[in-house]
Amino acid sequence: MHNSCNPKYQAGFSLIELLVAIAIIGILSAVAVPAYQNYVKNANMARVSTHMDEGARFIENEMRRLQINLGMGLITTADMDTELTAAKLAERLNASGGTSPTGEAAYKAGEHVEADDTSGQIAIEVTGTIADGDYAATFTRPAYADFSATDSKTINWADI
């Protein structure tokens, strides 16, 4: 006899089986979602720190390149001061594809600009001039996510 004609055979799942499956999915979700959120937060914090380190390395390399050009007479100190403005540094760093965890540009620049704790943007501030020998570029990491306070790296022309 065919199964569909015999009332002793059950088709589908019982209510208890469905409730057990839903409970298992709920427990897995309760564990997986916070773990995933923590993973994303840690990845974004690493991204912010990496942007700060990359920015500092970039300016150090630019200063070395410009020192060589200055020594060869290919550029003047006035030209160098216009090459190493905070706005130009941020523009060049952002052009390399850097974005903050919220999708905005990774770097922002300006006079007395502050790092953005919400978006994770790195602030770039430039003081002094190369002509006077007191040029310095400061990269400031925001207090983003679990970073308790801002951190900064200053690259001085005199130290390169």
N, C-alpha and C. Protein backbone atom coordinates (compact mmCIF):
# COMPACT_ATOMS: atom_id res chain seq x y z
N MET A 1 0.83 -1.16 0.00
CA MET A 1 0.00 0.00 0.00
C MET A 1 0.89 1.25 0.00
N HIS A 2 0.44 2.28 -0.63
CA HIS A 2 1.19 3.52 -0.74
C HIS A 2 1.14 4.30 0.57
N ASN A 3 2.24 5.01 0.92
CA ASN A 3 2.34 5.71 2.19
C ASN A 3 1.28 6.79 2.39
N SER A 4 0.90 7.46 1.34
CA SER A 4 -0.04 8.55 1.48
C SER A 4 -1.43 8.07 1.84
N CYS A 5 -1.73 6.80 1.59
CA CYS A 5 -3.04 6.26 1.92
C CYS A 5 -3.10 5.73 3.34
N ASN A 6 -1.97 5.45 3.93
CA ASN A 6 -1.93 4.87 5.26
C ASN A 6 -1.82 5.99 6.30
N PRO A 7 -2.78 6.14 7.20
CA PRO A 7 -2.76 7.21 8.19
C PRO A 7 -1.67 7.05 9.23
N LYS A 8 -1.03 5.89 9.32
CA LYS A 8 0.02 5.69 10.31
C LYS A 8 1.31 6.44 9.94
N TYR A 9 1.49 6.76 8.69
CA TYR A 9 2.70 7.47 8.26
C TYR A 9 2.45 8.98 8.31
N GLN A 10 3.46 9.69 8.81
CA GLN A 10 3.33 11.13 8.99
C GLN A 10 4.14 11.85 7.91
N ALA A 11 3.58 12.86 7.35
CA ALA A 11 4.29 13.67 6.36
C ALA A 11 4.68 15.00 7.02
N GLY A 12 5.93 15.47 6.83
CA GLY A 12 6.37 16.75 7.39
C GLY A 12 6.96 16.59 8.77
N PHE A 13 7.12 17.75 9.46
CA PHE A 13 7.73 17.77 10.78
C PHE A 13 6.68 18.04 11.83
N SER A 14 6.94 17.53 13.02
CA SER A 14 6.02 17.82 14.13
C SER A 14 6.34 19.20 14.69
N LEU A 15 5.43 19.71 15.47
CA LEU A 15 5.61 21.02 16.08
C LEU A 15 6.83 21.02 17.00
N ILE A 16 7.04 19.95 17.72
CA ILE A 16 8.19 19.85 18.63
C ILE A 16 9.49 19.90 17.83
N GLU A 17 9.56 19.19 16.73
CA GLU A 17 10.78 19.20 15.90
C GLU A 17 11.07 20.60 15.37
N LEU A 18 10.04 21.31 14.96
CA LEU A 18 10.23 22.68 14.47
C LEU A 18 10.69 23.61 15.59
N LEU A 19 10.13 23.45 16.77
CA LEU A 19 10.53 24.29 17.90
C LEU A 19 11.98 24.02 18.32
N VAL A 20 12.38 22.75 18.28
CA VAL A 20 13.76 22.42 18.59
C VAL A 20 14.71 23.05 17.56
N ALA A 21 14.37 22.98 16.29
CA ALA A 21 15.19 23.58 15.23
C ALA A 21 15.30 25.09 15.41
N ILE A 22 14.18 25.73 15.74
CA ILE A 22 14.19 27.19 15.95
C ILE A 22 15.03 27.54 17.17
N ALA A 23 14.95 26.74 18.23
CA ALA A 23 15.75 27.00 19.43
C ALA A 23 17.24 26.88 19.12
N ILE A 24 17.61 25.88 18.35
CA ILE A 24 19.02 25.71 17.99
C ILE A 24 19.51 26.89 17.16
N ILE A 25 18.71 27.34 16.21
CA ILE A 25 19.08 28.51 15.40
C ILE A 25 19.20 29.75 16.28
N GLY A 26 18.30 29.91 17.23
CA GLY A 26 18.36 31.05 18.15
C GLY A 26 19.62 31.05 18.99
N ILE A 27 20.01 29.89 19.49
CA ILE A 27 21.23 29.79 20.31
C ILE A 27 22.46 30.10 19.47
N LEU A 28 22.51 29.55 18.26
CA LEU A 28 23.65 29.83 17.38
C LEU A 28 23.72 31.31 17.03
N SER A 29 22.59 31.93 16.79
CA SER A 29 22.56 33.37 16.47
C SER A 29 23.03 34.20 17.66
N ALA A 30 22.61 33.79 18.86
CA ALA A 30 23.00 34.54 20.06
C ALA A 30 24.50 34.52 20.27
N VAL A 31 25.18 33.49 19.80
CA VAL A 31 26.63 33.40 19.93
C VAL A 31 27.32 34.04 18.73
N ALA A 32 26.80 33.79 17.54
CA ALA A 32 27.48 34.22 16.32
C ALA A 32 27.42 35.73 16.08
N VAL A 33 26.28 36.36 16.35
CA VAL A 33 26.14 37.78 16.05
C VAL A 33 27.11 38.63 16.88
N PRO A 34 27.20 38.46 18.20
CA PRO A 34 28.19 39.25 18.96
C PRO A 34 29.63 38.96 18.54
N ALA A 35 29.92 37.70 18.22
CA ALA A 35 31.28 37.37 17.78
C ALA A 35 31.60 38.08 16.48
N TYR A 36 30.64 38.11 15.56
CA TYR A 36 30.86 38.79 14.29
C TYR A 36 31.02 40.30 14.50
N GLN A 37 30.20 40.89 15.36
CA GLN A 37 30.30 42.33 15.64
C GLN A 37 31.66 42.66 16.25
N ASN A 38 32.15 41.81 17.13
CA ASN A 38 33.46 42.02 17.74
C ASN A 38 34.56 41.91 16.68
N TYR A 39 34.42 40.96 15.77
CA TYR A 39 35.38 40.79 14.67
C TYR A 39 35.42 42.05 13.80
N VAL A 40 34.26 42.57 13.46
CA VAL A 40 34.19 43.78 12.62
C VAL A 40 34.81 44.97 13.35
N LYS A 41 34.51 45.12 14.64
CA LYS A 41 35.07 46.24 15.41
C LYS A 41 36.60 46.15 15.45
N ASN A 42 37.13 44.96 15.71
CA ASN A 42 38.58 44.79 15.76
C ASN A 42 39.22 45.05 14.40
N ALA A 43 38.57 44.62 13.33
CA ALA A 43 39.09 44.87 11.99
C ALA A 43 39.11 46.36 11.69
N ASN A 44 38.07 47.08 12.09
CA ASN A 44 38.03 48.52 11.86
C ASN A 44 39.06 49.26 12.70
N MET A 45 39.29 48.80 13.93
CA MET A 45 40.33 49.42 14.75
C MET A 45 41.71 49.20 14.13
N ALA A 46 41.94 48.01 13.59
CA ALA A 46 43.21 47.73 12.91
C ALA A 46 43.35 48.62 11.68
N ARG A 47 42.25 48.85 10.98
CA ARG A 47 42.27 49.71 9.79
C ARG A 47 42.68 51.13 10.16
N VAL A 48 42.12 51.65 11.25
CA VAL A 48 42.44 53.01 11.68
C VAL A 48 43.93 53.10 12.07
N SER A 49 44.42 52.13 12.83
CA SER A 49 45.84 52.13 13.22
C SER A 49 46.75 52.02 12.01
N THR A 50 46.37 51.20 11.06
CA THR A 50 47.16 51.03 9.84
C THR A 50 47.22 52.32 9.05
N HIS A 51 46.10 53.03 8.97
CA HIS A 51 46.10 54.31 8.24
C HIS A 51 47.05 55.30 8.90
N MET A 52 47.08 55.31 10.22
CA MET A 52 47.99 56.24 10.90
C MET A 52 49.44 55.88 10.61
N ASP A 53 49.77 54.61 10.71
CA ASP A 53 51.15 54.17 10.44
C ASP A 53 51.53 54.42 8.98
N GLU A 54 50.63 54.14 8.05
CA GLU A 54 50.92 54.37 6.63
C GLU A 54 51.13 55.85 6.34
N GLY A 55 50.32 56.70 6.97
CA GLY A 55 50.48 58.14 6.77
C GLY A 55 51.83 58.63 7.25
N ALA A 56 52.26 58.15 8.42
CA ALA A 56 53.56 58.56 8.96
C ALA A 56 54.69 58.06 8.07
N ARG A 57 54.61 56.82 7.59
CA ARG A 57 55.64 56.29 6.68
C ARG A 57 55.67 57.08 5.37
N PHE A 58 54.48 57.42 4.87
CA PHE A 58 54.40 58.17 3.62
C PHE A 58 55.10 59.52 3.73
N ILE A 59 54.83 60.26 4.81
CA ILE A 59 55.44 61.59 4.94
C ILE A 59 56.95 61.47 5.13
N GLU A 60 57.40 60.45 5.86
CA GLU A 60 58.84 60.26 6.01
C GLU A 60 59.50 60.02 4.65
N ASN A 61 58.88 59.18 3.84
CA ASN A 61 59.43 58.89 2.51
C ASN A 61 59.38 60.12 1.61
N GLU A 62 58.30 60.89 1.71
CA GLU A 62 58.20 62.12 0.92
C GLU A 62 59.28 63.11 1.33
N MET A 63 59.52 63.23 2.61
CA MET A 63 60.56 64.15 3.09
C MET A 63 61.94 63.71 2.57
N ARG A 64 62.21 62.43 2.59
CA ARG A 64 63.50 61.93 2.07
C ARG A 64 63.63 62.21 0.58
N ARG A 65 62.53 61.95 -0.15
CA ARG A 65 62.55 62.19 -1.60
C ARG A 65 62.81 63.67 -1.89
N LEU A 66 62.13 64.54 -1.15
CA LEU A 66 62.30 65.97 -1.37
C LEU A 66 63.68 66.46 -0.92
N GLN A 67 64.24 65.84 0.12
CA GLN A 67 65.61 66.19 0.52
C GLN A 67 66.60 65.86 -0.59
N ILE A 68 66.40 64.74 -1.23
CA ILE A 68 67.29 64.36 -2.34
C ILE A 68 67.13 65.36 -3.48
N ASN A 69 65.88 65.70 -3.81
CA ASN A 69 65.64 66.67 -4.88
C ASN A 69 66.21 68.04 -4.53
N LEU A 70 66.13 68.41 -3.26
CA LEU A 70 66.70 69.68 -2.82
C LEU A 70 68.22 69.65 -2.96
N GLY A 71 68.83 68.55 -2.54
CA GLY A 71 70.28 68.40 -2.67
C GLY A 71 70.76 68.43 -4.10
N MET A 72 69.93 67.94 -5.01
CA MET A 72 70.29 67.93 -6.44
C MET A 72 69.93 69.24 -7.13
N GLY A 73 69.30 70.15 -6.38
CA GLY A 73 68.93 71.44 -6.95
C GLY A 73 67.69 71.38 -7.84
N LEU A 74 66.90 70.33 -7.73
CA LEU A 74 65.70 70.18 -8.56
C LEU A 74 64.48 70.88 -7.98
N ILE A 75 64.57 71.29 -6.72
CA ILE A 75 63.44 71.89 -6.04
C ILE A 75 63.97 72.88 -5.00
N THR A 76 63.18 73.88 -4.67
CA THR A 76 63.56 74.84 -3.64
C THR A 76 62.79 74.55 -2.35
N THR A 77 63.21 75.14 -1.25
CA THR A 77 62.49 74.93 0.01
C THR A 77 61.07 75.50 -0.08
N ALA A 78 60.90 76.58 -0.82
CA ALA A 78 59.56 77.14 -0.99
C ALA A 78 58.66 76.15 -1.74
N ASP A 79 59.22 75.50 -2.78
CA ASP A 79 58.45 74.47 -3.50
C ASP A 79 58.08 73.32 -2.57
N MET A 80 59.01 72.97 -1.70
CA MET A 80 58.77 71.87 -0.78
C MET A 80 57.65 72.20 0.20
N ASP A 81 57.62 73.44 0.67
CA ASP A 81 56.56 73.84 1.60
C ASP A 81 55.19 73.76 0.94
N THR A 82 55.12 74.03 -0.37
CA THR A 82 53.82 73.90 -1.05
C THR A 82 53.49 72.44 -1.36
N GLU A 83 54.50 71.59 -1.47
CA GLU A 83 54.28 70.15 -1.71
C GLU A 83 53.80 69.43 -0.46
N LEU A 84 54.23 69.90 0.70
CA LEU A 84 53.96 69.18 1.94
C LEU A 84 52.92 69.86 2.82
N THR A 85 51.91 70.46 2.22
CA THR A 85 50.81 71.01 3.03
C THR A 85 49.94 69.85 3.52
N ALA A 86 49.22 70.10 4.58
CA ALA A 86 48.35 69.05 5.13
C ALA A 86 47.29 68.64 4.12
N ALA A 87 46.75 69.62 3.40
CA ALA A 87 45.70 69.30 2.41
C ALA A 87 46.24 68.41 1.29
N LYS A 88 47.45 68.73 0.81
CA LYS A 88 48.03 67.90 -0.26
C LYS A 88 48.39 66.51 0.23
N LEU A 89 48.88 66.42 1.46
CA LEU A 89 49.19 65.11 2.02
C LEU A 89 47.92 64.26 2.14
N ALA A 90 46.86 64.85 2.68
CA ALA A 90 45.59 64.12 2.82
C ALA A 90 45.05 63.71 1.45
N GLU A 91 45.14 64.62 0.49
CA GLU A 91 44.65 64.32 -0.86
C GLU A 91 45.41 63.14 -1.46
N ARG A 92 46.72 63.14 -1.34
CA ARG A 92 47.53 62.06 -1.92
C ARG A 92 47.31 60.74 -1.20
N LEU A 93 47.18 60.79 0.12
CA LEU A 93 46.93 59.56 0.88
C LEU A 93 45.54 59.00 0.58
N ASN A 94 44.55 59.86 0.49
CA ASN A 94 43.19 59.40 0.19
C ASN A 94 43.09 58.88 -1.24
N ALA A 95 43.89 59.43 -2.14
CA ALA A 95 43.86 58.98 -3.54
C ALA A 95 44.37 57.55 -3.68
N SER A 96 45.13 57.10 -2.70
CA SER A 96 45.65 55.73 -2.76
C SER A 96 44.60 54.70 -2.36
N GLY A 97 43.39 55.16 -2.08
CA GLY A 97 42.29 54.25 -1.82
C GLY A 97 41.93 54.07 -0.36
N GLY A 98 42.52 54.84 0.51
CA GLY A 98 42.23 54.68 1.93
C GLY A 98 40.86 55.22 2.29
N THR A 99 40.08 54.42 3.01
CA THR A 99 38.80 54.88 3.51
C THR A 99 38.70 54.55 4.99
N SER A 100 37.94 55.36 5.68
CA SER A 100 37.71 55.12 7.11
C SER A 100 36.72 53.97 7.25
N PRO A 101 36.54 53.45 8.46
CA PRO A 101 35.59 52.36 8.65
C PRO A 101 34.16 52.71 8.23
N THR A 102 33.81 53.98 8.22
CA THR A 102 32.46 54.37 7.79
C THR A 102 32.38 54.66 6.30
N GLY A 103 33.49 54.50 5.58
CA GLY A 103 33.48 54.70 4.13
C GLY A 103 33.90 56.08 3.68
N GLU A 104 34.19 56.96 4.62
CA GLU A 104 34.65 58.31 4.27
C GLU A 104 36.15 58.26 3.98
N ALA A 105 36.69 59.39 3.54
CA ALA A 105 38.14 59.46 3.31
C ALA A 105 38.85 59.14 4.61
N ALA A 106 39.97 58.42 4.51
CA ALA A 106 40.70 57.99 5.71
C ALA A 106 41.37 59.16 6.42
N TYR A 107 41.75 60.19 5.66
CA TYR A 107 42.51 61.30 6.23
C TYR A 107 41.76 62.61 6.01
N LYS A 108 41.86 63.49 6.98
CA LYS A 108 41.34 64.84 6.81
C LYS A 108 42.38 65.80 7.31
N ALA A 109 42.41 66.98 6.71
CA ALA A 109 43.49 67.92 7.01
C ALA A 109 42.93 69.31 7.20
N GLY A 110 43.75 70.12 7.85
CA GLY A 110 43.39 71.51 8.04
C GLY A 110 44.08 72.05 9.28
N GLU A 111 43.92 73.31 9.49
CA GLU A 111 44.53 73.92 10.65
C GLU A 111 43.69 73.61 11.88
N HIS A 112 44.29 73.06 12.88
CA HIS A 112 43.63 72.67 14.13
C HIS A 112 42.49 71.67 13.90
N VAL A 113 42.64 70.82 12.91
CA VAL A 113 41.64 69.79 12.64
C VAL A 113 41.79 68.67 13.67
N GLU A 114 40.68 68.07 14.04
CA GLU A 114 40.72 66.99 15.02
C GLU A 114 40.32 65.68 14.37
N ALA A 115 40.90 64.60 14.85
CA ALA A 115 40.52 63.28 14.37
C ALA A 115 39.05 63.03 14.72
N ASP A 116 38.38 62.28 13.87
CA ASP A 116 36.95 62.03 14.05
C ASP A 116 36.74 60.69 14.74
N ASP A 117 36.32 60.75 16.00
CA ASP A 117 36.12 59.53 16.79
C ASP A 117 35.01 58.65 16.23
N THR A 118 34.03 59.24 15.58
CA THR A 118 32.89 58.48 15.06
C THR A 118 33.24 57.75 13.78
N SER A 119 33.88 58.44 12.85
CA SER A 119 34.17 57.83 11.54
C SER A 119 35.53 57.13 11.49
N GLY A 120 36.42 57.46 12.41
CA GLY A 120 37.76 56.86 12.40
C GLY A 120 38.73 57.56 11.47
N GLN A 121 38.42 58.81 11.09
CA GLN A 121 39.32 59.56 10.20
C GLN A 121 40.56 60.04 10.95
N ILE A 122 41.70 59.91 10.29
CA ILE A 122 42.98 60.37 10.83
C ILE A 122 43.13 61.85 10.48
N ALA A 123 43.53 62.65 11.46
CA ALA A 123 43.75 64.08 11.22
C ALA A 123 45.21 64.32 10.88
N ILE A 124 45.44 65.22 9.93
CA ILE A 124 46.80 65.62 9.56
C ILE A 124 46.92 67.12 9.80
N GLU A 125 47.93 67.49 10.57
CA GLU A 125 48.20 68.91 10.80
C GLU A 125 49.68 69.17 10.55
N VAL A 126 49.95 70.26 9.86
CA VAL A 126 51.32 70.64 9.53
C VAL A 126 51.63 71.95 10.22
N THR A 127 52.82 72.02 10.84
CA THR A 127 53.27 73.26 11.47
C THR A 127 54.67 73.59 10.96
N GLY A 128 55.02 74.86 11.03
CA GLY A 128 56.36 75.30 10.61
C GLY A 128 56.56 75.23 9.11
N THR A 129 57.79 75.54 8.69
CA THR A 129 58.14 75.49 7.27
C THR A 129 59.48 74.77 7.12
N ILE A 130 59.67 74.23 5.94
CA ILE A 130 60.94 73.58 5.65
C ILE A 130 62.04 74.63 5.54
N ALA A 131 61.68 75.79 4.98
CA ALA A 131 62.66 76.87 4.83
C ALA A 131 63.24 77.27 6.19
N ASP A 132 62.40 77.28 7.23
CA ASP A 132 62.86 77.63 8.57
C ASP A 132 63.42 76.43 9.32
N GLY A 133 63.25 75.24 8.78
CA GLY A 133 63.78 74.03 9.41
C GLY A 133 62.94 73.48 10.55
N ASP A 134 61.72 74.05 10.76
CA ASP A 134 60.88 73.59 11.86
C ASP A 134 59.59 72.92 11.40
N TYR A 135 59.61 72.42 10.17
CA TYR A 135 58.44 71.74 9.61
C TYR A 135 58.16 70.45 10.38
N ALA A 136 56.88 70.22 10.69
CA ALA A 136 56.47 68.97 11.35
C ALA A 136 55.08 68.60 10.86
N ALA A 137 54.86 67.34 10.61
CA ALA A 137 53.55 66.83 10.23
C ALA A 137 53.09 65.89 11.33
N THR A 138 51.90 66.13 11.84
CA THR A 138 51.35 65.31 12.92
C THR A 138 50.13 64.55 12.43
N PHE A 139 50.14 63.24 12.65
CA PHE A 139 49.01 62.37 12.32
C PHE A 139 48.36 61.97 13.64
N THR A 140 47.07 62.23 13.76
CA THR A 140 46.36 61.95 15.00
C THR A 140 45.28 60.89 14.76
N ARG A 141 45.41 59.80 15.52
CA ARG A 141 44.42 58.74 15.47
C ARG A 141 43.29 59.07 16.44
N PRO A 142 42.05 58.87 16.04
CA PRO A 142 40.93 59.19 16.92
C PRO A 142 40.76 58.14 18.02
N ALA A 143 39.95 58.47 19.01
CA ALA A 143 39.55 57.51 20.05
C ALA A 143 38.38 56.71 19.48
N TYR A 144 38.67 55.92 18.48
CA TYR A 144 37.65 55.16 17.75
C TYR A 144 37.43 53.80 18.42
N ALA A 145 36.18 53.38 18.52
CA ALA A 145 35.80 52.08 19.09
C ALA A 145 36.42 51.91 20.48
N ASP A 146 37.31 50.93 20.65
CA ASP A 146 37.90 50.66 21.97
C ASP A 146 39.17 51.44 22.24
N PHE A 147 39.63 52.28 21.30
CA PHE A 147 40.79 53.11 21.59
C PHE A 147 40.35 54.12 22.65
N SER A 148 41.00 54.10 23.79
CA SER A 148 40.54 54.93 24.90
C SER A 148 40.86 56.41 24.72
N ALA A 149 41.90 56.70 23.97
CA ALA A 149 42.29 58.10 23.78
C ALA A 149 42.94 58.25 22.41
N THR A 150 43.00 59.49 21.97
CA THR A 150 43.67 59.74 20.71
C THR A 150 45.17 59.49 20.87
N ASP A 151 45.80 59.19 19.77
CA ASP A 151 47.24 58.96 19.75
C ASP A 151 47.76 59.74 18.55
N SER A 152 49.00 60.19 18.62
CA SER A 152 49.53 60.94 17.49
C SER A 152 50.99 60.58 17.23
N LYS A 153 51.37 60.79 15.99
CA LYS A 153 52.77 60.61 15.56
C LYS A 153 53.16 61.90 14.85
N THR A 154 54.29 62.45 15.27
CA THR A 154 54.79 63.66 14.65
C THR A 154 56.09 63.34 13.94
N ILE A 155 56.15 63.75 12.67
CA ILE A 155 57.35 63.57 11.86
C ILE A 155 57.96 64.94 11.67
N ASN A 156 59.18 65.12 12.16
CA ASN A 156 59.87 66.40 12.08
C ASN A 156 60.88 66.39 10.94
N TRP A 157 60.92 67.48 10.21
CA TRP A 157 61.87 67.65 9.10
C TRP A 157 63.30 67.49 9.60
N ALA A 158 63.58 68.05 10.78
CA ALA A 158 64.94 68.02 11.32
C ALA A 158 65.40 66.60 11.66
N ASP A 159 64.48 65.68 11.87
CA ASP A 159 64.83 64.32 12.26
C ASP A 159 65.01 63.37 11.07
N ILE A 160 64.70 63.83 9.89
CA ILE A 160 64.78 62.96 8.71
C ILE A 160 66.17 63.03 8.12
